[in-house]
Protein backbone atom coordinates (compact mmCIF):
# COMPACT_ATOMS: atom_id res chain seq x y z
CA MET A 1 -12.49 12.50 9.82
CA LEU A 2 -12.51 10.05 6.90
CA LYS A 3 -14.50 7.43 8.87
CA MET A 4 -17.04 10.06 9.94
CA LYS A 5 -17.42 11.21 6.36
CA LYS A 6 -18.10 7.60 5.25
CA ARG A 7 -20.62 7.18 8.02
CA LEU A 8 -22.54 10.38 7.30
CA CYS A 9 -22.71 9.75 3.56
CA LEU A 10 -23.78 6.12 3.85
CA THR A 11 -26.23 6.70 6.69
CA ALA A 12 -27.86 9.53 4.82
CA LEU A 13 -28.22 7.31 1.78
CA ALA A 14 -29.74 4.53 3.87
CA VAL A 15 -32.32 6.83 5.45
CA MET A 16 -33.39 8.06 2.03
CA LEU A 17 -33.66 4.55 0.63
CA PHE A 18 -34.89 2.49 3.55
CA GLY A 19 -36.13 4.85 6.25
CA SER A 20 -34.83 4.62 9.81
CA SER A 21 -36.66 1.58 11.17
CA LEU A 22 -34.35 -1.18 9.83
CA SER A 23 -31.82 -2.74 12.18
CA VAL A 24 -28.77 -4.89 11.90
CA CYS A 25 -29.54 -8.54 11.16
CA ALA A 26 -27.88 -10.96 13.59
CA ALA A 27 -27.28 -13.69 10.99
CA SER A 28 -25.87 -14.05 7.50
CA GLU A 29 -28.28 -12.94 4.82
CA TYR A 30 -28.20 -12.35 1.11
CA MET A 31 -28.12 -8.76 -0.04
CA ALA A 32 -29.83 -7.25 -3.06
CA ASP A 33 -26.95 -8.27 -5.36
CA GLY A 34 -27.07 -11.86 -4.06
CA ALA A 35 -23.88 -11.72 -1.99
CA VAL A 36 -23.82 -13.14 1.55
CA PHE A 37 -23.26 -10.62 4.37
CA ASP A 38 -23.45 -10.76 8.15
CA ALA A 39 -23.69 -7.21 9.52
CA GLU A 40 -23.32 -8.10 13.20
CA TRP A 41 -20.29 -10.30 12.55
CA TYR A 42 -18.78 -7.59 10.31
CA LEU A 43 -18.90 -5.08 13.18
CA GLU A 44 -17.61 -7.57 15.73
CA GLN A 45 -14.61 -8.46 13.60
CA ASN A 46 -13.82 -4.84 12.77
CA PRO A 47 -13.86 -2.84 16.05
CA ASP A 48 -12.22 0.10 14.28
CA LEU A 49 -15.57 0.73 12.58
CA ALA A 50 -17.49 1.11 15.85
CA ALA A 51 -17.18 4.90 15.97
CA ALA A 52 -18.42 5.36 12.44
CA PHE A 53 -21.10 2.66 12.60
CA PRO A 54 -22.71 2.26 16.04
CA ALA A 55 -25.05 -0.56 17.04
CA GLY A 56 -28.26 -0.43 15.06
CA THR A 57 -26.64 0.68 11.80
CA LEU A 58 -28.50 -0.67 8.79
CA ALA A 59 -27.18 -3.90 7.34
CA GLU A 60 -27.46 -2.30 3.92
CA VAL A 61 -25.24 0.58 5.02
CA LEU A 62 -22.59 -1.74 6.44
CA TYR A 63 -22.70 -3.77 3.25
CA GLN A 64 -22.10 -0.63 1.22
CA HIS A 65 -19.06 0.03 3.41
CA TYR A 66 -17.82 -3.47 2.65
CA ILE A 67 -18.34 -3.01 -1.11
CA ASN A 68 -16.79 0.46 -1.26
CA TYR A 69 -13.95 0.01 1.22
CA GLY A 70 -13.93 -3.34 3.01
CA ILE A 71 -12.99 -5.46 0.00
CA LYS A 72 -9.97 -3.30 -0.76
CA GLU A 73 -8.99 -3.32 2.92
CA GLY A 74 -9.11 -7.11 3.12
CA ARG A 75 -12.17 -7.37 5.40
CA THR A 76 -14.44 -10.43 5.15
CA PRO A 77 -18.24 -10.19 4.83
CA TYR A 78 -19.22 -13.16 7.02
CA ASN A 79 -17.79 -15.99 9.10
CA ALA A 80 -16.64 -18.32 6.34
CA ALA A 81 -15.66 -20.98 8.88
CA ALA A 82 -19.19 -21.29 10.23
CA VAL A 83 -21.45 -20.35 7.32
CA ASN A 84 -22.20 -22.33 4.17
CA PRO A 85 -23.21 -19.68 1.60
CA ALA A 86 -25.15 -22.25 -0.39
CA SER A 87 -27.58 -22.59 2.52
CA VAL A 88 -28.06 -18.84 2.74
CA GLN A 89 -28.48 -17.70 -0.79
CA PRO A 90 -31.82 -18.20 -2.55
CA ASN A 91 -32.16 -20.57 -5.45
CA GLN A 92 -32.46 -17.81 -7.99
CA SER A 93 -30.27 -15.54 -10.03
CA THR A 94 -27.86 -13.36 -8.08
CA VAL A 95 -26.93 -11.49 -11.25
CA GLN A 96 -28.58 -8.17 -11.97
CA SER A 97 -29.33 -7.02 -15.49
CA GLY A 98 -27.33 -3.87 -16.00
CA PRO A 99 -28.08 -0.76 -18.03
CA LEU A 100 -27.60 -1.22 -21.76
CA SER A 101 -24.46 0.86 -21.93
CA LEU A 102 -20.94 -0.16 -22.87
CA VAL A 103 -18.43 -0.41 -20.03
CA GLU A 104 -15.09 1.30 -20.53
CA SER A 105 -11.84 -0.18 -19.22
CA ASN A 106 -8.15 -0.43 -20.00
CA ASN A 107 -6.77 -3.89 -20.78
CA LYS A 108 -4.31 -2.93 -23.51
CA ASP A 109 -1.04 -4.85 -23.06
CA ALA A 110 -2.45 -6.54 -19.94
CA GLN A 111 -1.03 -9.87 -21.11
CA ASN A 112 2.39 -8.54 -20.09
CA TYR A 113 3.83 -9.47 -16.71
CA LYS A 114 3.60 -6.73 -14.09
CA TRP A 115 6.98 -7.66 -12.59
CA ASN A 116 8.67 -11.05 -12.68
CA TRP A 117 5.37 -12.90 -12.69
CA ALA A 118 2.01 -12.93 -14.41
CA SER A 119 -1.28 -11.80 -12.89
CA THR A 120 -4.78 -13.22 -13.13
CA VAL A 121 -6.58 -12.77 -16.43
CA LYS A 122 -9.27 -10.08 -16.23
CA SER A 123 -10.68 -10.11 -19.80
CA TYR A 124 -12.54 -12.96 -21.49
CA LEU A 125 -14.50 -13.61 -24.66
CA TYR A 126 -16.70 -16.59 -25.53
CA GLU A 127 -19.32 -17.63 -28.08
CA ASN A 128 -22.81 -17.18 -26.63
CA GLN A 129 -26.02 -19.11 -27.23
CA ASN A 130 -27.33 -16.51 -29.66
CA GLY A 131 -24.48 -16.97 -32.08
CA GLY A 132 -22.65 -13.82 -31.02
CA LEU A 133 -19.91 -13.16 -28.50
CA THR A 134 -19.95 -12.36 -24.79
CA ARG A 135 -17.35 -10.23 -23.04
CA VAL A 136 -16.69 -10.97 -19.36
CA GLU A 137 -14.34 -8.61 -17.55
CA TYR A 138 -13.26 -7.90 -14.00
CA ASN A 139 -12.56 -4.20 -13.59
CA ASN A 140 -12.36 -1.99 -10.49
CA GLN A 141 -13.86 -4.61 -8.14
CA GLN A 142 -16.78 -5.17 -10.55
CA ILE A 143 -17.60 -8.01 -12.93
CA VAL A 144 -19.48 -7.19 -16.10
CA ALA A 145 -20.83 -9.49 -18.82
CA GLU A 146 -21.87 -8.01 -22.18
CA ASP A 147 -23.60 -9.93 -24.97
CA TYR A 148 -22.87 -8.80 -28.55
CA ASP A 149 -24.33 -9.80 -31.90
CA ASN A 150 -22.12 -10.45 -34.91
CA THR A 151 -21.96 -6.75 -35.77
CA PHE A 152 -20.58 -6.16 -32.25
CA LYS A 153 -23.71 -4.35 -31.19
CA LEU A 154 -24.42 -4.62 -27.46
CA CYS A 155 -27.55 -6.72 -26.83
CA ALA A 156 -27.53 -7.31 -23.06
CA SER A 157 -25.44 -6.45 -20.02
CA TYR A 158 -25.13 -8.12 -16.59
CA ASN A 159 -23.44 -7.29 -13.31
CA ILE A 160 -22.06 -10.34 -11.48
CA PRO A 161 -21.45 -9.92 -7.72
CA MET A 162 -18.04 -10.43 -6.17
CA GLU A 163 -18.63 -13.17 -3.59
CA LEU A 164 -15.15 -13.12 -2.06
CA SER A 165 -12.62 -10.31 -1.99
CA ILE A 166 -10.03 -11.63 -4.50
CA TRP A 167 -10.64 -12.17 -8.20
CA GLY A 168 -9.42 -15.50 -9.56
CA GLY A 169 -10.82 -15.95 -13.03
CA PHE A 170 -13.65 -17.00 -15.35
CA PHE A 171 -14.32 -19.99 -17.56
CA ALA A 172 -17.03 -20.48 -20.17
CA GLY A 173 -17.85 -24.17 -20.32
CA GLU A 174 -20.04 -25.97 -22.82
CA LYS A 175 -23.09 -25.98 -20.50
CA TYR A 176 -22.20 -23.60 -17.67
CA ASN A 177 -20.22 -20.51 -16.81
CA PHE A 178 -17.85 -20.46 -13.83
CA VAL A 179 -16.38 -17.62 -11.78
CA ILE A 180 -13.56 -18.32 -9.32
CA PHE A 181 -13.06 -16.16 -6.21
CA GLY A 182 -10.69 -16.29 -3.25
CA GLN A 183 -9.83 -14.63 0.02
CA GLU A 184 -6.80 -14.36 2.27
CA ASN A 185 -6.14 -16.74 5.13
CA LEU A 186 -3.25 -15.03 6.91
CA SER A 187 -4.09 -16.81 10.17
CA GLN A 188 -3.47 -20.17 8.45
CA ASN A 189 -6.85 -21.48 9.57
CA ASN A 190 -7.78 -24.77 7.92
CA ASN A 191 -11.47 -23.87 8.29
CA THR A 192 -11.21 -20.67 6.25
CA GLU A 193 -12.63 -20.72 2.75
CA VAL A 194 -9.76 -19.71 0.46
CA LEU A 195 -11.24 -20.45 -2.95
CA ARG A 196 -14.79 -20.63 -4.29
CA VAL A 197 -15.94 -21.84 -7.71
CA VAL A 198 -19.41 -20.50 -8.56
CA LYS A 199 -21.48 -22.19 -11.24
CA TYR A 200 -23.91 -20.23 -13.43
CA SER A 201 -26.28 -21.18 -16.20
CA LYS A 202 -25.65 -19.60 -19.58
CA ASP A 203 -28.30 -16.98 -18.75
CA TRP A 204 -26.46 -16.21 -15.50
CA GLN A 205 -28.66 -18.00 -12.97
CA ARG A 206 -26.54 -18.97 -9.96
CA LEU A 207 -26.65 -22.78 -9.72
CA GLY A 208 -24.18 -23.70 -6.99
CA GLN A 209 -20.63 -23.58 -5.74
CA ALA A 210 -17.63 -25.62 -4.66
CA SER A 211 -15.30 -24.36 -1.94
CA LEU A 212 -11.74 -25.11 -0.87
CA TYR A 213 -10.82 -24.57 2.78
CA GLY A 214 -7.40 -24.04 4.30
CA ALA A 215 -5.48 -25.90 1.62
CA ASN A 216 -2.04 -24.72 2.76
CA THR A 217 -3.07 -21.30 1.41
CA THR A 218 -2.59 -17.82 2.84
CA VAL A 219 -3.15 -15.89 -0.41
CA PRO A 220 -4.81 -17.56 -3.42
CA PHE A 221 -3.73 -16.64 -6.97
CA ASP A 222 -0.65 -14.85 -5.61
CA ALA A 223 2.17 -13.95 -8.07
CA GLY A 224 0.65 -15.95 -10.90
CA SER A 225 -2.49 -16.63 -12.85
CA LEU A 226 -5.42 -19.04 -13.18
CA ARG A 227 -6.64 -20.99 -16.18
CA CYS A 228 -9.25 -23.68 -16.63
CA VAL A 229 -10.22 -26.48 -18.96
CA GLU A 230 -13.15 -28.89 -18.92
CA TYR A 231 -13.57 -32.46 -20.00
CA GLY A 232 -16.95 -34.11 -19.75
CA ASP A 233 -18.43 -33.33 -16.34
CA TYR A 234 -15.15 -32.09 -14.87
CA LEU A 235 -13.66 -28.63 -14.54
CA TYR A 236 -9.89 -28.49 -14.01
CA ILE A 237 -8.29 -25.39 -12.50
CA ARG A 238 -4.56 -24.65 -12.61
CA THR A 239 -3.53 -21.69 -10.46
CA CYS A 240 -1.15 -20.73 -7.65
CA HIS A 241 -1.05 -19.67 -4.02
CA GLU A 242 1.12 -18.29 -1.27
CA MET A 243 1.47 -21.12 1.23
CA TYR A 244 1.53 -21.49 5.00
CA ALA A 245 4.83 -20.54 6.64
CA SER A 246 7.47 -23.19 6.08
CA ALA A 247 8.63 -25.18 9.09
CA LYS A 248 12.16 -24.98 7.67
CA ASP A 249 12.66 -21.23 7.25
CA GLY A 250 9.41 -19.62 8.45
CA LYS A 251 8.74 -18.06 5.03
CA ASN A 252 5.50 -18.12 3.04
CA HIS A 253 6.61 -19.63 -0.25
CA GLN A 254 4.60 -19.63 -3.46
CA ALA A 255 3.73 -22.59 -5.70
CA ASN A 256 1.18 -23.85 -8.18
CA MET A 257 -2.11 -25.48 -7.18
CA THR A 258 -4.50 -27.73 -9.12
CA LEU A 259 -8.16 -28.61 -8.53
CA ALA A 260 -10.85 -30.77 -10.10
CA VAL A 261 -14.57 -30.00 -9.72
CA ARG A 262 -17.40 -32.31 -10.76
CA GLN A 263 -19.86 -29.93 -12.40
CA SER A 264 -23.07 -31.92 -11.96
CA ASP A 265 -23.06 -31.63 -8.16
CA MET A 266 -20.26 -29.05 -7.70
CA THR A 267 -18.12 -31.42 -5.66
CA LEU A 268 -14.42 -30.74 -5.32
CA THR A 269 -13.13 -34.20 -6.20
CA ASP A 270 -9.37 -33.65 -6.09
CA SER A 271 -6.86 -30.93 -5.27
CA TYR A 272 -3.11 -30.70 -4.98
CA HIS A 273 -1.70 -27.94 -2.83
CA ILE A 274 1.02 -29.45 -0.62
CA VAL A 275 4.78 -29.04 -0.96
CA MET A 276 6.26 -31.85 -3.02
CA ASN A 277 8.33 -32.02 -6.23
CA SER A 278 7.95 -31.86 -10.00
CA SER A 279 7.39 -35.61 -10.31
CA VAL A 280 3.79 -35.04 -9.17
CA GLY A 281 3.16 -31.72 -10.95
CA TYR A 282 4.41 -29.38 -8.22
CA VAL A 283 6.26 -26.22 -9.30
CA SER A 284 7.63 -23.60 -6.91
CA HIS A 285 7.69 -20.75 -7.52
CA SER A 286 5.19 -20.90 -10.39
CA PHE A 287 4.74 -17.48 -12.02
CA ASN A 288 2.23 -18.46 -14.73
CA GLN A 289 -0.02 -21.47 -15.27
CA PHE A 290 -1.67 -23.03 -18.33
CA VAL A 291 -3.72 -26.20 -18.70
CA LEU A 292 -5.31 -28.22 -21.50
CA VAL A 293 -6.78 -31.66 -22.13
CA ASP A 294 -5.34 -33.18 -25.30
CA GLN A 295 -6.89 -35.47 -27.90
CA ASN A 296 -5.85 -38.51 -25.85
CA ASN A 297 -7.66 -37.20 -22.74
CA ASN A 298 -4.38 -36.33 -21.03
CA LEU A 299 -4.22 -33.43 -18.61
CA VAL A 300 -1.28 -31.30 -19.75
CA THR A 301 0.06 -28.22 -17.97
CA LEU A 302 2.65 -25.50 -18.45
CA ASP A 303 4.30 -23.58 -15.59
CA HIS A 304 6.86 -20.78 -15.44
CA GLY A 305 9.13 -21.86 -12.59
CA ASP A 306 12.04 -20.07 -10.90
CA ALA A 307 13.17 -22.70 -8.40
CA TYR A 308 11.89 -26.30 -8.46
CA PRO A 309 12.29 -26.56 -11.38
CA ARG A 310 13.89 -23.32 -12.57
CA SER A 311 12.51 -23.63 -16.06
CA LEU A 312 9.56 -23.30 -18.36
CA VAL A 313 8.19 -26.78 -17.76
CA LEU A 314 5.50 -28.82 -19.52
CA MET A 315 3.91 -31.65 -17.54
CA ARG A 316 1.62 -34.47 -18.62
CA TYR A 317 -0.27 -36.40 -15.96
CA ASN A 318 0.16 -40.17 -16.18
CA THR A 319 -1.83 -41.66 -13.32
CA ALA A 320 -5.33 -40.88 -14.57
CA LYS A 321 -7.00 -39.58 -17.70
CA ALA A 322 -9.22 -36.52 -17.66
CA GLY A 323 -12.87 -37.21 -16.94
CA GLY A 324 -12.59 -38.87 -13.52
CA ASP A 325 -12.67 -37.77 -9.91
CA LYS A 326 -8.89 -37.96 -9.47
CA PHE A 327 -6.05 -36.49 -11.49
CA SER A 328 -3.18 -36.35 -8.97
CA GLY A 329 -0.25 -38.69 -9.35
CA ASN A 330 2.97 -38.98 -11.31
CA VAL A 331 3.70 -36.79 -14.31
CA SER A 332 6.13 -36.81 -17.21
CA ASN A 333 7.78 -33.46 -17.80
CA SER A 334 9.87 -31.57 -20.30
CA SER A 335 11.66 -28.25 -19.78
CA LEU A 336 11.60 -26.01 -22.85
CA VAL A 337 14.17 -23.61 -21.40
CA THR A 338 16.18 -23.78 -18.18
CA PHE A 339 16.86 -20.37 -16.72
CA PRO A 340 20.30 -19.38 -15.45
CA GLY A 341 20.66 -17.92 -11.97
CA ALA A 342 20.20 -18.97 -8.38
CA ILE A 343 17.36 -21.22 -7.27
CA GLY A 344 14.49 -19.00 -6.25
CA ASP A 345 15.83 -15.84 -7.93
CA ASN A 346 12.57 -14.31 -9.15
CA TYR A 347 14.19 -12.83 -12.25
CA THR A 348 14.15 -15.32 -15.12
CA GLY A 349 14.14 -12.89 -18.06
CA ALA A 350 11.05 -14.53 -19.55
CA GLU A 351 7.31 -14.09 -19.90
CA VAL A 352 4.97 -16.85 -21.06
CA GLY A 353 1.88 -16.00 -23.10
CA GLY A 354 0.44 -19.04 -24.83
CA PHE A 355 -0.02 -22.81 -24.78
CA ALA A 356 -1.90 -24.97 -27.28
CA GLU A 357 -2.13 -28.47 -28.73
CA THR A 358 -1.38 -29.57 -32.28
CA ALA A 359 -1.91 -32.94 -33.93
CA ASN A 360 1.47 -34.27 -32.84
CA GLY A 361 2.60 -31.99 -30.05
CA TYR A 362 2.15 -28.91 -27.90
CA VAL A 363 3.22 -25.35 -28.73
CA THR A 364 4.33 -22.66 -26.29
CA ALA A 365 4.80 -18.92 -26.84
CA TYR A 366 7.12 -16.86 -24.67
CA ASN A 367 9.67 -14.07 -24.70
CA TYR A 368 13.15 -14.39 -23.22
CA ASP A 369 16.33 -12.38 -22.88
CA GLY A 370 18.54 -15.45 -23.12
CA GLY A 371 19.91 -14.82 -19.65
CA SER A 372 21.43 -11.48 -20.69
CA HIS A 373 19.11 -9.21 -18.69
CA GLY A 374 18.69 -7.35 -21.98
CA THR A 375 16.21 -7.25 -24.85
CA ARG A 376 13.62 -10.00 -24.87
CA GLU A 377 12.85 -11.82 -28.10
CA VAL A 378 9.88 -14.00 -29.09
CA TYR A 379 10.26 -17.79 -29.06
CA LEU A 380 7.96 -20.60 -30.09
CA GLY A 381 8.44 -23.90 -28.30
CA TYR A 382 7.32 -27.26 -29.64
CA THR A 383 7.05 -30.43 -27.54
CA SER A 384 6.29 -33.72 -29.29
CA LYS A 385 3.57 -35.89 -27.80
CA ASN A 386 5.73 -38.91 -28.44
CA GLY A 387 8.48 -38.74 -25.83
CA LEU A 388 7.87 -35.10 -24.81
CA SER A 389 10.98 -33.92 -26.64
CA SER A 390 11.11 -30.09 -26.77
CA THR A 391 12.69 -27.71 -29.26
CA VAL A 392 12.50 -23.91 -29.44
CA THR A 393 12.63 -21.49 -32.37
CA LYS A 394 13.68 -17.88 -32.02
CA ILE A 395 11.22 -15.73 -33.96
CA THR A 396 12.56 -12.19 -33.57
CA GLU A 397 16.08 -10.78 -33.56
CA ALA A 398 17.13 -7.58 -31.75
CA ALA A 399 13.57 -6.28 -31.93
CA GLY A 400 12.39 -6.56 -28.34
CA ALA A 401 8.92 -7.90 -27.70
CA SER A 402 5.99 -7.95 -25.32
CA THR A 403 4.51 -11.15 -23.93
CA PRO A 404 3.37 -13.00 -27.07
CA VAL A 405 -0.12 -14.42 -27.50
CA LEU A 406 -1.00 -17.74 -29.08
CA VAL A 407 -4.33 -18.80 -30.60
CA SER A 408 -5.07 -22.24 -32.00
CA THR A 409 -7.26 -22.51 -35.09
CA GLY A 410 -7.19 -26.31 -34.92
CA LEU A 411 -4.78 -29.20 -34.60
CA GLY A 412 -2.99 -28.02 -37.71
CA GLY A 413 -1.79 -24.77 -36.17
CA GLY A 414 -2.85 -21.21 -35.48
CA TYR A 415 -1.39 -17.74 -34.96
CA LEU A 416 1.39 -16.24 -32.89
CA MET A 417 1.01 -12.51 -32.10
CA TRP A 418 3.16 -9.92 -30.31
CA THR A 419 4.06 -6.24 -30.21
CA ASP A 420 7.59 -4.88 -30.36
CA ILE A 421 9.20 -2.33 -28.04
CA ASN A 422 7.74 0.47 -30.18
CA GLY A 423 4.21 -0.92 -29.88
CA ALA A 424 4.00 -2.19 -33.47
CA PHE A 425 1.82 -5.31 -33.88
CA HIS A 426 3.23 -8.45 -35.54
CA TYR A 427 1.73 -11.84 -36.29
CA ALA A 428 2.57 -15.09 -38.03
CA ALA A 429 0.92 -18.45 -38.64
CA TYR A 430 2.39 -21.52 -36.96
CA ALA A 431 1.95 -25.15 -37.98
CA ASP A 432 2.06 -28.55 -36.33
CA GLY A 433 5.73 -29.24 -35.67
CA GLY A 434 6.46 -25.62 -34.79
CA ALA A 435 7.10 -24.19 -38.26
CA ILE A 436 6.45 -20.44 -38.58
CA GLY A 437 5.11 -18.64 -41.64
CA ALA A 438 5.84 -15.14 -42.90
CA ILE A 439 5.61 -12.36 -40.29
CA GLY A 440 3.04 -9.68 -40.99
CA THR A 441 2.23 -6.34 -39.39
CA ALA A 442 -1.05 -4.55 -38.81
CA ASP A 443 -2.63 -1.62 -37.02
CA ALA A 444 -3.73 -3.67 -34.00
CA ALA A 445 -3.05 -4.24 -30.30
CA LEU A 446 -3.11 -7.03 -27.70
CA SER A 447 -4.61 -7.50 -24.27
CA ASP A 448 -5.15 -10.29 -21.75
CA CYS A 449 -8.23 -11.39 -23.72
CA GLN A 450 -7.43 -14.82 -25.16
CA PRO A 451 -8.33 -14.76 -28.88
CA LEU A 452 -10.83 -17.33 -30.11
CA CYS A 453 -12.15 -18.68 -33.39
CA HIS A 454 -15.61 -17.37 -34.30
CA ASN A 455 -17.39 -17.73 -37.65
CA GLY A 456 -14.15 -18.61 -39.40
CA GLU A 457 -12.20 -15.68 -37.97
CA VAL A 458 -9.86 -15.15 -35.03
CA VAL A 459 -11.35 -12.53 -32.70
CA TRP A 460 -10.17 -10.71 -29.55
CA TYR A 461 -10.81 -7.34 -27.94
CA VAL A 462 -8.76 -4.49 -26.51
CA THR A 463 -9.77 -1.47 -24.45
CA ASN A 464 -7.67 1.65 -23.95
CA TYR A 465 -9.64 3.66 -21.39
CA SER A 466 -12.46 3.04 -23.82
CA VAL A 467 -15.17 0.66 -24.92
CA PRO A 468 -13.94 -2.52 -26.63
CA THR A 469 -12.34 -2.58 -30.04
CA PHE A 470 -12.71 -6.03 -31.58
CA TYR A 471 -9.89 -7.22 -33.83
CA LYS A 472 -10.39 -9.95 -36.41
CA ILE A 473 -8.03 -12.07 -38.49
CA GLY A 474 -10.02 -13.16 -41.54
CA ALA A 475 -9.68 -16.18 -43.76
CA ASP A 476 -7.39 -14.10 -45.99
CA THR A 477 -5.16 -13.43 -42.92
CA ALA A 478 -5.92 -9.70 -43.10
CA ILE A 479 -6.70 -7.92 -39.83
CA SER A 480 -9.65 -5.58 -39.34
CA ALA A 481 -11.07 -3.72 -36.35
CA VAL A 482 -14.61 -2.89 -35.21
CA THR A 483 -15.53 -0.69 -32.25
CA ALA A 484 -18.34 -2.01 -30.05
CA ASN A 485 -21.60 -0.15 -30.49
CA GLN A 486 -25.08 -0.05 -28.96
């Protein structure tokens, strides 16, 4: 009954929009939103749809089924093993200008782990070419970009198509924007595209892509996150994946994964996705991932591990500096905290929320129950660049805390922010060396939007089944809030 209802509604819509003379296309084609879709292949791979969508059903109708239901059901839109999307899509923008209306969502407290691990970041903010800020957010299988001026008035809105079924993340580079997608590969086929990095101009013209196939991956971005950094012409991606079944125990284990993409020609120049050990940057399981390039051009990462190693571990790559085709090789590492418990026990009692560089070291923000399975307190870790020696400072006491957020205002320091178990917002300045200033409170909230520095202020946004509220820490350290307007 449900399938018939889908069929009647979508077919009726297609007749109204397109008439009844269109037929299914027998090859991959780009749809109105710029996504690649092969209607004939879609039906062949999904015989359960035959009753609802007989031969001759409009490609547009089948595509609407894929958008409305297929993505959530894990169906694929075309034969990724045989089709290169770059050869199908036109050399023009695939992004549609949306209506000038603010999009509501709910990202409040989304920086918190959902269980024992993090999830991919859905909310982003970056400085746009017009001197204002742009919000990019993945919400309900849709990607929206909104340009704001400095009064937080909406100036433009864009809808970015989902090109694969799983959201990975977004990165705003100096010259280009990047969106990362993925899809499942449960058959463990080395010819299946599991990750795609799509390159856009700053005005959202689609410029190209880089794809990763097979890569020991059954589910990309599983039980963890994804973060990016760029240096020169290179984009570095630190994320995670569920891997092919192990030959030892038959299980699909999870670990981190790292990629390098040369932006100028969108070539994937290096990737590390095999099972190895921490001496080469491998962490399993890795429940959260951070990456930065420091002032000495070193690629530096932070992973939340529960097995190999079972710690919050910082790694600095030694073999090559950032800015070249290859990064993989030996690393130096330092564990900020080693978690008690059995190897592979998913419960570590911690959540990691921030990673940044200072003049002489690296700072890390996390909460931790100290192995007690009780109240989690906020900690700030500091790792010296010279020798990678790590120390931690406990910030709260018997207060309980959410996943803390860290924002750098420069090599001299920045701000640490968190909410307590009652939802009250707290913040404090940190300095190079890990020193913490006085703790303040404010009427504010946190989300998975990474705060940034803009016009001398720290800015981030939060939604609570609402349009964005932008919070600002001014030069006087006072916090104010502005609701987005149009």
